[in-house]
Amino acid sequence: MQAKPVPGRPRKLSEWERNRLLDVLLKGALAYGYPNELWTLRRIAAVIHKEFGVEHHPNHVWRILRNADWSCQVPERRAVQRDDKAMAHWKRYKWPQIKKSPKTWSPHRLPR
């Protein structure tokens, strides 16, 4: 006895179209004409509509990405004036002095 295929509505995008979509996404949002590198579900839905003429709700776009083993990743926010070298120096030399200092106030240490 052979396994029967799962009944249901056929996919709107073929396997080739899904692979083509992933190629477009890997090139980046800037390459597609967006002002930054952030791919949102709405942007991807617009790309699908423009490239393949198929409309997808953003929630369904998420399913397509999950089936391709993609995950949600939020870009890390960093200050423009951040100085990594100065931070590393502070962590290495200043923080151990502050951490070990018995002079720091603590609610558990009452003055005698």
Protein backbone atom coordinates (compact mmCIF):
# COMPACT_ATOMS: atom_id res chain seq x y z
CA MET A 1 0.00 0.00 0.00
CA GLN A 2 1.48 3.36 -1.03
CA ALA A 3 1.21 6.58 0.91
CA LYS A 4 -1.38 8.97 -0.43
CA PRO A 5 -0.50 12.64 -1.00
CA VAL A 6 -1.83 15.08 1.54
CA PRO A 7 -4.96 16.74 0.18
CA GLY A 8 -5.15 20.49 0.18
CA ARG A 9 -4.84 23.55 -1.94
CA PRO A 10 -1.80 23.54 -4.24
CA ARG A 11 0.96 26.03 -3.51
CA LYS A 12 0.84 29.40 -5.23
CA LEU A 13 4.61 29.40 -5.79
CA SER A 14 6.38 26.50 -7.44
CA GLU A 15 9.62 25.12 -6.06
CA TRP A 16 11.58 27.01 -8.73
CA GLU A 17 9.82 30.28 -7.81
CA ARG A 18 10.56 29.75 -4.11
CA ASN A 19 14.25 29.22 -4.90
CA ARG A 20 14.23 32.33 -7.08
CA LEU A 21 12.63 34.29 -4.21
CA LEU A 22 15.39 33.20 -1.83
CA ASP A 23 18.00 34.29 -4.39
CA VAL A 24 16.39 37.74 -4.54
CA LEU A 25 16.30 37.97 -0.74
CA LEU A 26 19.96 36.96 -0.41
CA LYS A 27 21.00 39.84 -2.68
CA GLY A 28 19.60 42.22 -0.07
CA ALA A 29 16.88 44.83 0.20
CA LEU A 30 19.20 47.60 -1.00
CA ALA A 31 19.82 45.72 -4.24
CA TYR A 32 16.06 45.48 -4.74
CA GLY A 33 15.59 49.22 -4.27
CA TYR A 34 14.65 49.62 -0.62
CA PRO A 35 16.31 52.37 1.45
CA ASN A 36 17.85 49.96 4.02
CA GLU A 37 18.85 46.30 4.34
CA LEU A 38 15.88 45.29 6.47
CA TRP A 39 13.58 42.67 4.94
CA THR A 40 10.11 42.85 6.44
CA LEU A 41 7.26 40.46 5.70
CA ARG A 42 5.38 43.22 3.88
CA ARG A 43 8.39 43.99 1.70
CA ILE A 44 8.82 40.31 0.86
CA ALA A 45 5.11 40.04 0.04
CA ALA A 46 5.53 43.02 -2.32
CA VAL A 47 8.54 41.33 -3.96
CA ILE A 48 6.51 38.14 -4.47
CA HIS A 49 3.70 40.14 -6.04
CA LYS A 50 6.05 42.09 -8.31
CA GLU A 51 8.23 39.12 -9.37
CA PHE A 52 5.64 36.35 -9.66
CA GLY A 53 2.25 38.10 -9.81
CA VAL A 54 1.01 36.24 -6.72
CA GLU A 55 -0.46 37.98 -3.69
CA HIS A 56 0.44 36.62 -0.27
CA HIS A 57 -0.57 37.84 3.15
CA PRO A 58 2.53 38.74 5.24
CA ASN A 59 1.71 35.95 7.72
CA HIS A 60 1.84 33.42 4.91
CA VAL A 61 5.17 34.84 3.75
CA TRP A 62 6.47 33.88 7.18
CA ARG A 63 5.46 30.26 6.52
CA ILE A 64 7.35 30.28 3.23
CA LEU A 65 10.48 31.53 5.00
CA ARG A 66 10.16 28.99 7.82
CA ASN A 67 9.83 26.16 5.28
CA ALA A 68 13.11 27.37 3.77
CA ASP A 69 14.75 27.18 7.26
CA TRP A 70 15.04 30.94 7.59
CA SER A 71 14.59 32.59 10.97
CA CYS A 72 13.53 35.99 12.21
CA GLN A 73 16.48 38.20 12.99
CA VAL A 74 16.30 41.70 14.33
CA PRO A 75 19.23 44.01 13.60
CA GLU A 76 21.25 45.07 16.62
CA ARG A 77 20.84 48.72 17.54
CA ARG A 78 24.05 50.56 18.34
CA ALA A 79 24.81 54.17 19.01
CA VAL A 80 26.59 56.00 16.20
CA GLN A 81 29.15 57.49 18.58
CA ARG A 82 29.92 54.09 20.20
CA ASP A 83 33.62 53.50 20.86
CA ASP A 84 34.27 49.76 21.13
CA LYS A 85 37.94 50.24 21.99
CA ALA A 86 37.13 52.52 24.93
CA MET A 87 34.42 50.12 26.14
CA ALA A 88 36.82 47.17 26.05
CA HIS A 89 39.38 49.20 28.02
CA TRP A 90 36.78 50.15 30.64
CA LYS A 91 35.61 46.54 31.01
CA ARG A 92 39.16 45.26 31.33
CA TYR A 93 40.65 47.84 33.72
CA LYS A 94 37.99 50.00 35.36
CA TRP A 95 35.15 47.54 35.99
CA PRO A 96 37.21 45.02 38.05
CA GLN A 97 38.27 47.87 40.38
CA ILE A 98 34.67 48.99 40.84
CA LYS A 99 33.38 45.44 41.22
CA LYS A 100 35.94 44.45 43.89
CA SER A 101 35.79 47.67 45.84
CA PRO A 102 34.36 47.17 49.36
CA LYS A 103 33.55 50.89 49.47
CA THR A 104 30.57 50.53 47.17
CA TRP A 105 27.23 50.89 48.87
CA SER A 106 25.04 47.87 49.41
CA PRO A 107 21.73 47.63 51.25
CA HIS A 108 23.08 44.56 53.08
CA ARG A 109 26.07 46.42 54.49
CA LEU A 110 25.06 48.75 57.25
CA PRO A 111 27.56 51.28 58.61
CA ARG A 112 28.96 50.35 62.03
